[in-house]
All heavy atoms as atom14 arrays in JSON, in Angstrom:
{
  "sequence": "TFTPTWYSRRGARLDSEFRFLNALGQGSLQANILPHDQ",
  "atom14_mask": [
    [1, 1, 1, 1, 1, 1, 1, 0, 0, 0, 0, 0, 0, 0],
    [1, 1, 1, 1, 1, 1, 1, 1, 1, 1, 1, 0, 0, 0],
    [1, 1, 1, 1, 1, 1, 1, 0, 0, 0, 0, 0, 0, 0],
    [1, 1, 1, 1, 1, 1, 1, 0, 0, 0, 0, 0, 0, 0],
    [1, 1, 1, 1, 1, 1, 1, 0, 0, 0, 0, 0, 0, 0],
    [1, 1, 1, 1, 1, 1, 1, 1, 1, 1, 1, 1, 1, 1],
    [1, 1, 1, 1, 1, 1, 1, 1, 1, 1, 1, 1, 0, 0],
    [1, 1, 1, 1, 1, 1, 0, 0, 0, 0, 0, 0, 0, 0],
    [1, 1, 1, 1, 1, 1, 1, 1, 1, 1, 1, 0, 0, 0],
    [1, 1, 1, 1, 1, 1, 1, 1, 1, 1, 1, 0, 0, 0],
    [1, 1, 1, 1, 0, 0, 0, 0, 0, 0, 0, 0, 0, 0],
    [1, 1, 1, 1, 1, 0, 0, 0, 0, 0, 0, 0, 0, 0],
    [1, 1, 1, 1, 1, 1, 1, 1, 1, 1, 1, 0, 0, 0],
    [1, 1, 1, 1, 1, 1, 1, 1, 0, 0, 0, 0, 0, 0],
    [1, 1, 1, 1, 1, 1, 1, 1, 0, 0, 0, 0, 0, 0],
    [1, 1, 1, 1, 1, 1, 0, 0, 0, 0, 0, 0, 0, 0],
    [1, 1, 1, 1, 1, 1, 1, 1, 1, 0, 0, 0, 0, 0],
    [1, 1, 1, 1, 1, 1, 1, 1, 1, 1, 1, 0, 0, 0],
    [1, 1, 1, 1, 1, 1, 1, 1, 1, 1, 1, 0, 0, 0],
    [1, 1, 1, 1, 1, 1, 1, 1, 1, 1, 1, 0, 0, 0],
    [1, 1, 1, 1, 1, 1, 1, 1, 0, 0, 0, 0, 0, 0],
    [1, 1, 1, 1, 1, 1, 1, 1, 0, 0, 0, 0, 0, 0],
    [1, 1, 1, 1, 1, 0, 0, 0, 0, 0, 0, 0, 0, 0],
    [1, 1, 1, 1, 1, 1, 1, 1, 0, 0, 0, 0, 0, 0],
    [1, 1, 1, 1, 0, 0, 0, 0, 0, 0, 0, 0, 0, 0],
    [1, 1, 1, 1, 1, 1, 1, 1, 1, 0, 0, 0, 0, 0],
    [1, 1, 1, 1, 0, 0, 0, 0, 0, 0, 0, 0, 0, 0],
    [1, 1, 1, 1, 1, 1, 0, 0, 0, 0, 0, 0, 0, 0],
    [1, 1, 1, 1, 1, 1, 1, 1, 0, 0, 0, 0, 0, 0],
    [1, 1, 1, 1, 1, 1, 1, 1, 1, 0, 0, 0, 0, 0],
    [1, 1, 1, 1, 1, 0, 0, 0, 0, 0, 0, 0, 0, 0],
    [1, 1, 1, 1, 1, 1, 1, 1, 0, 0, 0, 0, 0, 0],
    [1, 1, 1, 1, 1, 1, 1, 1, 0, 0, 0, 0, 0, 0],
    [1, 1, 1, 1, 1, 1, 1, 1, 0, 0, 0, 0, 0, 0],
    [1, 1, 1, 1, 1, 1, 1, 0, 0, 0, 0, 0, 0, 0],
    [1, 1, 1, 1, 1, 1, 1, 1, 1, 1, 0, 0, 0, 0],
    [1, 1, 1, 1, 1, 1, 1, 1, 0, 0, 0, 0, 0, 0],
    [1, 1, 1, 1, 1, 1, 1, 1, 1, 0, 0, 0, 0, 0]
  ],
  "atom14_positions": [
    [[153.39, 78.53, 123.07], [154.15, 78.68, 121.84], [153.19, 79.09, 120.74], [152.15, 78.45, 120.53], [154.85, 77.36, 121.46], [155.68, 76.94, 122.53], [155.69, 77.56, 120.21], [0.0, 0.0, 0.0], [0.0, 0.0, 0.0], [0.0, 0.0, 0.0], [0.0, 0.0, 0.0], [0.0, 0.0, 0.0], [0.0, 0.0, 0.0], [0.0, 0.0, 0.0]],
    [[153.52, 80.16, 120.05], [152.72, 80.66, 118.93], [153.54, 80.51, 117.66], [154.69, 80.96, 117.61], [152.32, 82.11, 119.15], [151.51, 82.34, 120.39], [152.13, 82.7, 121.58], [150.14, 82.17, 120.38], [151.39, 82.91, 122.73], [149.39, 82.38, 121.53], [150.02, 82.75, 122.71], [0.0, 0.0, 0.0], [0.0, 0.0, 0.0], [0.0, 0.0, 0.0]],
    [[152.95, 79.89, 116.65], [153.66, 79.63, 115.4], [152.86, 80.18, 114.23], [151.98, 79.48, 113.69], [153.91, 78.13, 115.22], [154.55, 77.6, 116.37], [154.8, 77.87, 114.0], [0.0, 0.0, 0.0], [0.0, 0.0, 0.0], [0.0, 0.0, 0.0], [0.0, 0.0, 0.0], [0.0, 0.0, 0.0], [0.0, 0.0, 0.0], [0.0, 0.0, 0.0]],
    [[153.11, 81.4, 113.82], [152.49, 81.89, 112.59], [153.14, 81.24, 111.38], [154.36, 81.12, 111.3], [152.74, 83.4, 112.64], [153.93, 83.55, 113.53], [153.92, 82.42, 114.5], [0.0, 0.0, 0.0], [0.0, 0.0, 0.0], [0.0, 0.0, 0.0], [0.0, 0.0, 0.0], [0.0, 0.0, 0.0], [0.0, 0.0, 0.0], [0.0, 0.0, 0.0]],
    [[152.32, 80.8, 110.44], [152.8, 80.13, 109.23], [152.13, 80.76, 108.02], [150.92, 81.02, 108.03], [152.48, 78.63, 109.26], [153.1, 78.03, 110.41], [153.0, 77.93, 108.01], [0.0, 0.0, 0.0], [0.0, 0.0, 0.0], [0.0, 0.0, 0.0], [0.0, 0.0, 0.0], [0.0, 0.0, 0.0], [0.0, 0.0, 0.0], [0.0, 0.0, 0.0]],
    [[152.93, 80.99, 107.0], [152.39, 81.53, 105.75], [152.48, 80.44, 104.67], [153.55, 79.91, 104.4], [153.15, 82.76, 105.29], [152.71, 83.22, 103.92], [153.32, 83.0, 102.74], [151.53, 83.98, 103.64], [152.6, 83.56, 101.72], [151.49, 84.17, 102.24], [150.5, 84.5, 104.42], [150.47, 84.87, 101.61], [149.48, 85.2, 103.8], [149.48, 85.39, 102.41]],
    [[151.3, 80.09, 104.09], [151.23, 79.16, 102.96], [150.97, 79.97, 101.7], [150.03, 80.79, 101.66], [150.1, 78.15, 103.14], [150.28, 77.22, 104.32], [149.64, 77.47, 105.53], [151.07, 76.09, 104.22], [149.79, 76.61, 106.61], [151.23, 75.22, 105.29], [150.58, 75.49, 106.48], [150.73, 74.65, 107.55], [0.0, 0.0, 0.0], [0.0, 0.0, 0.0]],
    [[151.77, 79.76, 100.69], [151.63, 80.57, 99.47], [150.29, 80.33, 98.78], [149.8, 81.21, 98.07], [152.78, 80.25, 98.5], [152.77, 78.89, 98.11], [0.0, 0.0, 0.0], [0.0, 0.0, 0.0], [0.0, 0.0, 0.0], [0.0, 0.0, 0.0], [0.0, 0.0, 0.0], [0.0, 0.0, 0.0], [0.0, 0.0, 0.0], [0.0, 0.0, 0.0]],
    [[149.65, 79.18, 98.99], [148.38, 78.88, 98.32], [147.17, 79.02, 99.25], [146.04, 78.93, 98.79], [148.4, 77.47, 97.74], [149.42, 77.3, 96.63], [149.27, 75.94, 95.96], [150.21, 75.78, 94.86], [150.3, 74.71, 94.09], [149.48, 73.68, 94.32], [151.18, 74.63, 93.12], [0.0, 0.0, 0.0], [0.0, 0.0, 0.0], [0.0, 0.0, 0.0]],
    [[147.41, 79.19, 100.55], [146.28, 79.24, 101.47], [146.25, 80.5, 102.34], [145.2, 80.86, 102.84], [146.28, 78.01, 102.38], [146.1, 76.7, 101.61], [145.82, 75.54, 102.53], [145.66, 74.3, 101.8], [144.52, 73.88, 101.25], [143.43, 74.62, 101.38], [144.46, 72.74, 100.59], [0.0, 0.0, 0.0], [0.0, 0.0, 0.0], [0.0, 0.0, 0.0]],
    [[147.37, 81.13, 102.53], [147.4, 82.33, 103.35], [148.0, 82.07, 104.72], [148.77, 81.12, 104.92], [0.0, 0.0, 0.0], [0.0, 0.0, 0.0], [0.0, 0.0, 0.0], [0.0, 0.0, 0.0], [0.0, 0.0, 0.0], [0.0, 0.0, 0.0], [0.0, 0.0, 0.0], [0.0, 0.0, 0.0], [0.0, 0.0, 0.0], [0.0, 0.0, 0.0]],
    [[147.62, 82.9, 105.69], [148.24, 82.87, 107.02], [147.48, 81.94, 107.95], [146.24, 81.91, 107.96], [148.27, 84.27, 107.61], [0.0, 0.0, 0.0], [0.0, 0.0, 0.0], [0.0, 0.0, 0.0], [0.0, 0.0, 0.0], [0.0, 0.0, 0.0], [0.0, 0.0, 0.0], [0.0, 0.0, 0.0], [0.0, 0.0, 0.0], [0.0, 0.0, 0.0]],
    [[148.23, 81.19, 108.73], [147.67, 80.29, 109.74], [148.42, 80.51, 111.05], [149.64, 80.72, 111.04], [147.8, 78.84, 109.27], [147.56, 77.8, 110.36], [147.69, 76.4, 109.8], [148.04, 75.42, 110.82], [148.21, 74.12, 110.59], [148.04, 73.65, 109.38], [148.55, 73.32, 111.58], [0.0, 0.0, 0.0], [0.0, 0.0, 0.0], [0.0, 0.0, 0.0]],
    [[147.72, 80.44, 112.16], [148.33, 80.59, 113.47], [148.11, 79.33, 114.27], [146.97, 78.93, 114.53], [147.74, 81.79, 114.22], [148.28, 82.0, 115.65], [149.78, 82.28, 115.63], [147.53, 83.12, 116.36], [0.0, 0.0, 0.0], [0.0, 0.0, 0.0], [0.0, 0.0, 0.0], [0.0, 0.0, 0.0], [0.0, 0.0, 0.0], [0.0, 0.0, 0.0]],
    [[149.21, 78.69, 114.68], [149.16, 77.54, 115.57], [149.62, 77.98, 116.95], [150.63, 78.67, 117.09], [150.08, 76.43, 115.07], [149.65, 75.88, 113.72], [148.5, 76.09, 113.34], [150.48, 75.24, 113.04], [0.0, 0.0, 0.0], [0.0, 0.0, 0.0], [0.0, 0.0, 0.0], [0.0, 0.0, 0.0], [0.0, 0.0, 0.0], [0.0, 0.0, 0.0]],
    [[148.9, 77.57, 117.96], [149.27, 77.93, 119.33], [149.11, 76.72, 120.23], [148.24, 75.87, 120.02], [148.4, 79.08, 119.85], [147.03, 78.72, 119.85], [0.0, 0.0, 0.0], [0.0, 0.0, 0.0], [0.0, 0.0, 0.0], [0.0, 0.0, 0.0], [0.0, 0.0, 0.0], [0.0, 0.0, 0.0], [0.0, 0.0, 0.0], [0.0, 0.0, 0.0]],
    [[149.97, 76.65, 121.22], [149.9, 75.59, 122.22], [150.17, 76.18, 123.59], [151.2, 76.8, 123.82], [150.91, 74.48, 121.94], [150.84, 73.35, 122.96], [151.87, 72.27, 122.73], [152.82, 72.51, 121.95], [151.76, 71.2, 123.35], [0.0, 0.0, 0.0], [0.0, 0.0, 0.0], [0.0, 0.0, 0.0], [0.0, 0.0, 0.0], [0.0, 0.0, 0.0]],
    [[149.22, 76.0, 124.49], [149.34, 76.45, 125.87], [149.51, 75.21, 126.75], [148.73, 74.26, 126.67], [148.09, 77.23, 126.28], [148.03, 77.54, 127.75], [148.87, 78.49, 128.31], [147.14, 76.88, 128.57], [148.82, 78.78, 129.67], [147.07, 77.15, 129.93], [147.92, 78.11, 130.47], [0.0, 0.0, 0.0], [0.0, 0.0, 0.0], [0.0, 0.0, 0.0]],
    [[150.55, 75.21, 127.59], [150.84, 74.08, 128.47], [150.84, 74.55, 129.92], [151.24, 75.68, 130.2], [152.18, 73.44, 128.13], [152.31, 72.96, 126.7], [153.63, 72.25, 126.47], [154.77, 73.08, 126.77], [156.03, 72.66, 126.74], [156.28, 71.4, 126.46], [157.03, 73.47, 127.01], [0.0, 0.0, 0.0], [0.0, 0.0, 0.0], [0.0, 0.0, 0.0]],
    [[150.41, 73.67, 130.8], [150.36, 74.06, 132.2], [150.7, 72.86, 133.08], [150.47, 71.71, 132.75], [148.97, 74.6, 132.57], [147.83, 73.64, 132.32], [147.43, 72.74, 133.29], [147.17, 73.65, 131.11], [146.38, 71.87, 133.07], [146.11, 72.77, 130.86], [145.72, 71.88, 131.85], [0.0, 0.0, 0.0], [0.0, 0.0, 0.0], [0.0, 0.0, 0.0]],
    [[151.3, 73.19, 134.21], [151.58, 72.25, 135.29], [151.01, 72.84, 136.57], [151.14, 74.03, 136.82], [153.09, 72.05, 135.47], [153.88, 71.39, 134.35], [155.37, 71.56, 134.6], [153.54, 69.93, 134.25], [0.0, 0.0, 0.0], [0.0, 0.0, 0.0], [0.0, 0.0, 0.0], [0.0, 0.0, 0.0], [0.0, 0.0, 0.0], [0.0, 0.0, 0.0]],
    [[150.37, 72.0, 137.36], [149.87, 72.47, 138.65], [150.01, 71.36, 139.67], [150.55, 70.29, 139.38], [148.42, 72.96, 138.54], [147.5, 71.93, 137.9], [147.58, 70.75, 138.24], [146.64, 72.35, 137.0], [0.0, 0.0, 0.0], [0.0, 0.0, 0.0], [0.0, 0.0, 0.0], [0.0, 0.0, 0.0], [0.0, 0.0, 0.0], [0.0, 0.0, 0.0]],
    [[149.51, 71.61, 140.87], [149.67, 70.64, 141.94], [148.93, 69.34, 141.65], [149.27, 68.29, 142.18], [149.17, 71.24, 143.25], [0.0, 0.0, 0.0], [0.0, 0.0, 0.0], [0.0, 0.0, 0.0], [0.0, 0.0, 0.0], [0.0, 0.0, 0.0], [0.0, 0.0, 0.0], [0.0, 0.0, 0.0], [0.0, 0.0, 0.0], [0.0, 0.0, 0.0]],
    [[147.91, 69.39, 140.77], [147.12, 68.21, 140.48], [147.66, 67.41, 139.29], [147.51, 66.2, 139.25], [145.67, 68.61, 140.21], [144.93, 69.26, 141.37], [143.52, 69.63, 140.94], [144.9, 68.35, 142.59], [0.0, 0.0, 0.0], [0.0, 0.0, 0.0], [0.0, 0.0, 0.0], [0.0, 0.0, 0.0], [0.0, 0.0, 0.0], [0.0, 0.0, 0.0]],
    [[148.24, 68.09, 138.3], [148.68, 67.37, 137.12], [149.16, 68.31, 136.03], [149.73, 69.37, 136.31], [0.0, 0.0, 0.0], [0.0, 0.0, 0.0], [0.0, 0.0, 0.0], [0.0, 0.0, 0.0], [0.0, 0.0, 0.0], [0.0, 0.0, 0.0], [0.0, 0.0, 0.0], [0.0, 0.0, 0.0], [0.0, 0.0, 0.0], [0.0, 0.0, 0.0]],
    [[148.91, 67.93, 134.79], [149.39, 68.71, 133.66], [148.42, 68.56, 132.5], [147.6, 67.65, 132.45], [150.78, 68.23, 133.23], [150.82, 66.78, 132.77], [152.23, 66.31, 132.47], [153.21, 66.95, 132.83], [152.35, 65.18, 131.79], [0.0, 0.0, 0.0], [0.0, 0.0, 0.0], [0.0, 0.0, 0.0], [0.0, 0.0, 0.0], [0.0, 0.0, 0.0]],
    [[148.53, 69.49, 131.55], [147.66, 69.46, 130.39], [148.11, 70.43, 129.34], [149.1, 71.16, 129.51], [0.0, 0.0, 0.0], [0.0, 0.0, 0.0], [0.0, 0.0, 0.0], [0.0, 0.0, 0.0], [0.0, 0.0, 0.0], [0.0, 0.0, 0.0], [0.0, 0.0, 0.0], [0.0, 0.0, 0.0], [0.0, 0.0, 0.0], [0.0, 0.0, 0.0]],
    [[147.39, 70.46, 128.24], [147.73, 71.36, 127.14], [146.49, 71.67, 126.32], [145.52, 70.89, 126.3], [148.81, 70.74, 126.23], [148.3, 69.6, 125.57], [0.0, 0.0, 0.0], [0.0, 0.0, 0.0], [0.0, 0.0, 0.0], [0.0, 0.0, 0.0], [0.0, 0.0, 0.0], [0.0, 0.0, 0.0], [0.0, 0.0, 0.0], [0.0, 0.0, 0.0]],
    [[146.54, 72.83, 125.66], [145.49, 73.25, 124.74], [146.14, 73.71, 123.45], [146.98, 74.61, 123.46], [144.65, 74.39, 125.34], [143.62, 75.03, 124.39], [142.56, 74.01, 123.99], [142.98, 76.25, 125.04], [0.0, 0.0, 0.0], [0.0, 0.0, 0.0], [0.0, 0.0, 0.0], [0.0, 0.0, 0.0], [0.0, 0.0, 0.0], [0.0, 0.0, 0.0]],
    [[145.79, 73.07, 122.34], [146.3, 73.44, 121.03], [145.18, 74.03, 120.2], [144.08, 73.47, 120.16], [146.89, 72.23, 120.31], [148.04, 71.56, 121.02], [148.56, 70.35, 120.26], [148.77, 70.4, 119.05], [148.77, 69.26, 120.97], [0.0, 0.0, 0.0], [0.0, 0.0, 0.0], [0.0, 0.0, 0.0], [0.0, 0.0, 0.0], [0.0, 0.0, 0.0]],
    [[145.48, 75.12, 119.54], [144.52, 75.77, 118.65], [145.22, 76.14, 117.36], [146.2, 76.89, 117.37], [143.92, 77.02, 119.31], [0.0, 0.0, 0.0], [0.0, 0.0, 0.0], [0.0, 0.0, 0.0], [0.0, 0.0, 0.0], [0.0, 0.0, 0.0], [0.0, 0.0, 0.0], [0.0, 0.0, 0.0], [0.0, 0.0, 0.0], [0.0, 0.0, 0.0]],
    [[144.75, 75.6, 116.26], [145.29, 75.89, 114.94], [144.19, 76.55, 114.11], [143.14, 75.94, 113.88], [145.77, 74.6, 114.25], [146.7, 73.79, 115.12], [147.53, 74.34, 115.83], [146.55, 72.47, 115.11], [0.0, 0.0, 0.0], [0.0, 0.0, 0.0], [0.0, 0.0, 0.0], [0.0, 0.0, 0.0], [0.0, 0.0, 0.0], [0.0, 0.0, 0.0]],
    [[144.45, 77.78, 113.69], [143.41, 78.57, 113.04], [143.92, 79.12, 111.72], [145.0, 79.73, 111.66], [142.93, 79.73, 113.94], [142.39, 79.17, 115.26], [141.88, 80.56, 113.24], [142.02, 80.24, 116.26], [0.0, 0.0, 0.0], [0.0, 0.0, 0.0], [0.0, 0.0, 0.0], [0.0, 0.0, 0.0], [0.0, 0.0, 0.0], [0.0, 0.0, 0.0]],
    [[143.17, 78.89, 110.66], [143.41, 79.48, 109.34], [142.24, 80.43, 109.08], [141.16, 79.99, 108.65], [143.49, 78.39, 108.28], [143.93, 78.79, 106.87], [145.37, 79.28, 106.87], [143.78, 77.62, 105.91], [0.0, 0.0, 0.0], [0.0, 0.0, 0.0], [0.0, 0.0, 0.0], [0.0, 0.0, 0.0], [0.0, 0.0, 0.0], [0.0, 0.0, 0.0]],
    [[142.38, 81.73, 109.37], [141.23, 82.64, 109.32], [140.53, 82.7, 107.97], [139.31, 82.8, 107.9], [141.85, 84.01, 109.68], [143.1, 83.68, 110.41], [143.6, 82.42, 109.8], [0.0, 0.0, 0.0], [0.0, 0.0, 0.0], [0.0, 0.0, 0.0], [0.0, 0.0, 0.0], [0.0, 0.0, 0.0], [0.0, 0.0, 0.0], [0.0, 0.0, 0.0]],
    [[141.32, 82.62, 106.89], [140.71, 82.68, 105.56], [141.55, 81.84, 104.61], [142.64, 82.25, 104.2], [140.63, 84.13, 105.06], [140.02, 84.24, 103.68], [138.67, 84.15, 103.47], [140.6, 84.42, 102.46], [138.43, 84.28, 102.17], [139.59, 84.45, 101.54], [0.0, 0.0, 0.0], [0.0, 0.0, 0.0], [0.0, 0.0, 0.0], [0.0, 0.0, 0.0]],
    [[141.05, 80.66, 104.29], [141.74, 79.78, 103.35], [141.52, 80.33, 101.94], [140.38, 80.41, 101.46], [141.18, 78.36, 103.47], [142.0, 77.35, 102.69], [142.66, 77.74, 101.7], [141.98, 76.16, 103.05], [0.0, 0.0, 0.0], [0.0, 0.0, 0.0], [0.0, 0.0, 0.0], [0.0, 0.0, 0.0], [0.0, 0.0, 0.0], [0.0, 0.0, 0.0]],
    [[142.61, 80.7, 101.29], [142.5, 81.3, 99.97], [141.98, 80.32, 98.92], [141.47, 80.74, 97.88], [143.86, 81.84, 99.54], [144.37, 82.98, 100.4], [145.75, 83.45, 100.01], [146.39, 82.88, 99.12], [146.24, 84.49, 100.67], [0.0, 0.0, 0.0], [0.0, 0.0, 0.0], [0.0, 0.0, 0.0], [0.0, 0.0, 0.0], [0.0, 0.0, 0.0]]
  ]
}
């Protein structure tokens, strides 16, 4: 899931979450990035 967000005082931020299921188990990776905080 990718969630681009625009903050009027900070600029653009991208939140992403990758989820996986396999034969062994499950997990997730979340990355929230604000490339340039205004």
